[in-house]
Amino acid sequence: MTRPKSLRLIDAIPEVKWFKPAGIKMCSLEEVSLTFDEIEAIRLADLECLYHEQVAERMEVSRQTVGRILVSARGKIAEALVNGKAIRLDGGQIKFRRPACLDPGVDLSKRQLTPEQIRTPNHIVITAKGPDLESEVDLRFGRSNFFILIHLDTEAFTVLSNENSDASGKGVGIKNSQRIIDAGAEVVITGRVGEKAMGMLSSLGIRIFLVDGGTVRDALELFKQEQTENAPVE
């Protein structure tokens, strides 16, 4: 299980998400996947010619993180160009600088987290395949079987079943986002979140951490460790 990663701030999702060599059918091509935060770092560093410190400030990450993102992105681009592979833009740990309001009639300011809630959250939601802390983390936010709301101080938890886990069509991520917002979540830990749900959550100050497996308890302990390591020094 990897360490949870906080979201990298980007300006927008690129409109074009596929690139391929001319004259070769997609079914005959291998591809590399470039994440949205990687293409944002490339845009800022190589197109806008910003220094790493400036890119880090724009994306709200450390300079070291920017360096790692750029090494990964440039390596993928080189692999695609040299070996004739397609490039697909998809995924990544991102949030939007100017998220679109999904419903103009909803006043999101009433649900906006305070700086203190963002800095020292008390309630986190972890997506789970089962209804307890020993269950495996469900990596599908929209289709997760359960959402486990945990109070960090006491580890008391409430289990919310996902009524939309078997629903067809789009929009389940938005519905689930609204539900966990109403439940009082300040942090979400999962494996993958759609861009609309991610924009909705991050616009309210709710942080999203992505993991690649393990149990709910593993994710909880990893998050606590992350909070301790990044706590401000008085």
Foldseek 3Di string as FASTA:
>chain_A
DDFWDWAWEAADADPDFKDFDPPDDQVPFAEDEQERLLVRLCCVCPVVVDDLCVSCVNGVHDSVVSVVSPVVSVVRVVCCVVVGHMYGYDFDRHEHPDFDDPDVVDDLVVLADDPVCLLDPFKEKFQFQDFDQQTKGAQDQLQGQWIWIAGLVPRDIDIDGQPCNPPDDDDSLVVSLVVVSVVPHQEYEHAGGDRNSRHVCVVRSRIYIHDDMGTNNVNSVSVVVVSVVPRDDD
